[in-house]
Amino acid sequence: MTLDTLKPGESGIIVSVGGVGALRRHLLDMGLTPKTAVRVRKVAPMGDPIELFLRGYVLTLRKEDAANIVVEKENAK
């Protein structure tokens, strides 16, 4: 599944980061690297952008960019 399909409150582990060239490099530079835990905090009223929590900080990302990130959903505890 991709990061843009997670609902608010759901978490996952990044499996791979897609995209090409500068987009991929930009996503990796923001800390969206494989094996990183990420949680969706909020989704804007119109569905774009989404607010994520990872590595101790909050990141807002366009849904289009989040679709390039493959995650493995964590089970609710």
Protein backbone atom coordinates (compact mmCIF):
# COMPACT_ATOMS: atom_id res chain seq x y z
CA MET A 1 0.00 0.00 0.00
CA THR A 2 1.13 3.58 -0.43
CA LEU A 3 1.41 6.35 2.15
CA ASP A 4 -1.47 8.34 0.68
CA THR A 5 -3.91 5.48 1.47
CA LEU A 6 -3.32 5.54 5.25
CA LYS A 7 -6.07 7.19 7.29
CA PRO A 8 -5.50 9.66 10.15
CA GLY A 9 -4.17 7.82 13.20
CA GLU A 10 -2.79 4.90 11.19
CA SER A 11 0.91 4.06 11.14
CA GLY A 12 3.24 2.24 8.85
CA ILE A 13 6.85 1.45 8.07
CA ILE A 14 8.31 2.80 4.82
CA VAL A 15 9.30 -0.06 2.51
CA SER A 16 10.50 1.90 -0.53
CA VAL A 17 10.57 5.41 -1.94
CA GLY A 18 9.65 5.84 -5.60
CA GLY A 19 9.75 8.87 -7.82
CA VAL A 20 12.43 9.92 -10.25
CA GLY A 21 15.41 12.24 -9.97
CA ALA A 22 14.91 15.37 -7.90
CA LEU A 23 11.55 14.25 -6.45
CA ARG A 24 13.02 11.03 -5.04
CA ARG A 25 16.07 12.86 -3.68
CA HIS A 26 13.82 15.47 -2.05
CA LEU A 27 11.66 12.80 -0.35
CA LEU A 28 14.75 11.02 0.97
CA ASP A 29 16.26 14.31 2.19
CA MET A 30 13.08 15.00 4.21
CA GLY A 31 13.66 11.76 6.14
CA LEU A 32 11.29 9.52 4.22
CA THR A 33 13.71 6.61 4.03
CA PRO A 34 13.09 2.85 4.08
CA LYS A 35 12.49 1.27 7.52
CA THR A 36 11.28 4.60 8.98
CA ALA A 37 8.09 4.57 11.07
CA VAL A 38 5.52 7.12 9.96
CA ARG A 39 2.08 8.06 11.33
CA VAL A 40 -0.64 10.06 9.58
CA ARG A 41 -1.74 12.84 11.95
CA LYS A 42 -4.25 14.77 9.84
CA VAL A 43 -5.65 15.07 6.35
CA ALA A 44 -6.78 18.45 5.02
CA PRO A 45 -10.57 18.86 4.52
CA MET A 46 -10.27 18.49 0.74
CA GLY A 47 -7.92 15.49 1.16
CA ASP A 48 -4.68 17.21 0.22
CA PRO A 49 -2.12 17.72 1.82
CA ILE A 50 -1.56 15.16 4.57
CA GLU A 51 0.28 15.77 7.83
CA LEU A 52 2.74 13.08 8.94
CA PHE A 53 4.74 12.44 12.10
CA LEU A 54 8.12 10.79 11.64
CA ARG A 55 11.56 10.95 13.24
CA GLY A 56 10.23 13.27 15.97
CA TYR A 57 8.89 16.00 13.68
CA VAL A 58 5.78 16.87 11.70
CA LEU A 59 5.90 16.92 7.90
CA THR A 60 3.20 18.06 5.51
CA LEU A 61 3.24 16.30 2.15
CA ARG A 62 1.12 16.51 -0.99
CA LYS A 63 -0.96 13.42 -1.61
CA GLU A 64 0.57 13.13 -5.09
CA ASP A 65 4.06 12.83 -3.55
CA ALA A 66 2.88 10.45 -0.81
CA ALA A 67 1.65 8.09 -3.54
CA ASN A 68 5.33 7.44 -4.43
CA ILE A 69 6.07 5.96 -0.99
CA VAL A 70 5.28 2.29 -0.36
CA VAL A 71 4.51 1.44 3.28
CA GLU A 72 3.68 -1.65 5.28
CA LYS A 73 0.78 -0.87 7.59
CA GLU A 74 1.39 -1.49 11.28
CA ASN A 75 -1.26 -3.39 13.19
CA ALA A 76 -3.20 -1.42 15.77
CA LYS A 77 -2.14 -2.27 19.31
